[in-house]
Amino acid sequence: MENLQKVLLVITIIGAINWGLVGLFDFNLVSTLFGEGTMLSRIIYVAIALCGLFNIGILLEHFDSKKD
């Protein structure tokens, strides 16, 4: 499970870096690499979003385990 958590975190970080590039330089790395609005780029965005949601669950689980 620990390896899965690390993979999810890395993918979420990559997504955050992409949003940083969009905000700072108006440069979307995903669109540049895979095309704007293509099915592949949409799949990548959904995968990054799912990883972020899983990370929220992992974070909440971590907080719950610290209470005990």
Protein backbone atom coordinates (compact mmCIF):
# COMPACT_ATOMS: atom_id res chain seq x y z
CA MET A 1 0.00 0.00 0.00
CA GLU A 2 2.88 2.35 0.73
CA ASN A 3 4.13 2.09 -2.88
CA LEU A 4 0.66 2.91 -4.21
CA GLN A 5 0.54 5.97 -1.96
CA LYS A 6 3.88 7.15 -3.31
CA VAL A 7 2.76 6.70 -6.92
CA LEU A 8 -0.47 8.60 -6.25
CA LEU A 9 1.47 11.40 -4.60
CA VAL A 10 3.95 11.68 -7.49
CA ILE A 11 1.12 11.89 -10.03
CA THR A 12 -0.61 14.56 -7.93
CA ILE A 13 2.64 16.54 -7.73
CA ILE A 14 3.04 16.34 -11.51
CA GLY A 15 -0.48 17.72 -11.86
CA ALA A 16 0.33 20.53 -9.43
CA ILE A 17 3.45 21.41 -11.41
CA ASN A 18 1.37 21.53 -14.59
CA TRP A 19 -1.09 23.94 -12.94
CA GLY A 20 1.84 26.04 -11.76
CA LEU A 21 3.11 26.25 -15.32
CA VAL A 22 -0.36 27.27 -16.50
CA GLY A 23 -0.61 29.95 -13.83
CA LEU A 24 2.88 31.36 -14.21
CA PHE A 25 3.59 31.03 -17.92
CA ASP A 26 0.25 30.17 -19.56
CA PHE A 27 1.91 26.91 -20.66
CA ASN A 28 -0.02 23.64 -20.38
CA LEU A 29 2.43 20.74 -20.52
CA VAL A 30 -0.28 18.09 -20.87
CA SER A 31 -1.84 19.87 -23.85
CA THR A 32 1.58 20.38 -25.40
CA LEU A 33 2.52 16.72 -25.10
CA PHE A 34 -0.83 15.06 -25.86
CA GLY A 35 -2.87 17.70 -27.70
CA GLU A 36 -5.51 20.08 -26.49
CA GLY A 37 -8.87 18.48 -25.81
CA THR A 38 -7.82 15.03 -27.02
CA MET A 39 -9.17 11.92 -25.36
CA LEU A 40 -5.70 11.08 -24.03
CA SER A 41 -5.25 14.48 -22.39
CA ARG A 42 -8.71 14.19 -20.82
CA ILE A 43 -7.83 10.75 -19.45
CA ILE A 44 -4.66 12.19 -17.95
CA TYR A 45 -6.59 15.03 -16.29
CA VAL A 46 -9.11 12.56 -14.84
CA ALA A 47 -6.30 10.29 -13.60
CA ILE A 48 -4.61 13.22 -11.87
CA ALA A 49 -7.91 14.26 -10.28
CA LEU A 50 -8.55 10.72 -9.02
CA CYS A 51 -5.04 10.58 -7.55
CA GLY A 52 -5.71 13.85 -5.75
CA LEU A 53 -8.96 12.49 -4.32
CA PHE A 54 -7.24 9.32 -3.15
CA ASN A 55 -4.57 11.47 -1.50
CA ILE A 56 -7.28 13.30 0.44
CA GLY A 57 -8.49 9.94 1.72
CA ILE A 58 -4.96 8.91 2.68
CA LEU A 59 -4.46 12.23 4.49
CA LEU A 60 -7.70 11.85 6.46
CA GLU A 61 -6.80 8.27 7.32
CA HIS A 62 -3.42 9.49 8.56
CA PHE A 63 -5.07 12.09 10.80
CA ASP A 64 -7.47 9.48 12.21
CA SER A 65 -4.62 7.13 13.07
CA LYS A 66 -2.80 9.90 14.96
CA LYS A 67 -5.81 10.40 17.26
CA ASP A 68 -5.46 6.86 18.65
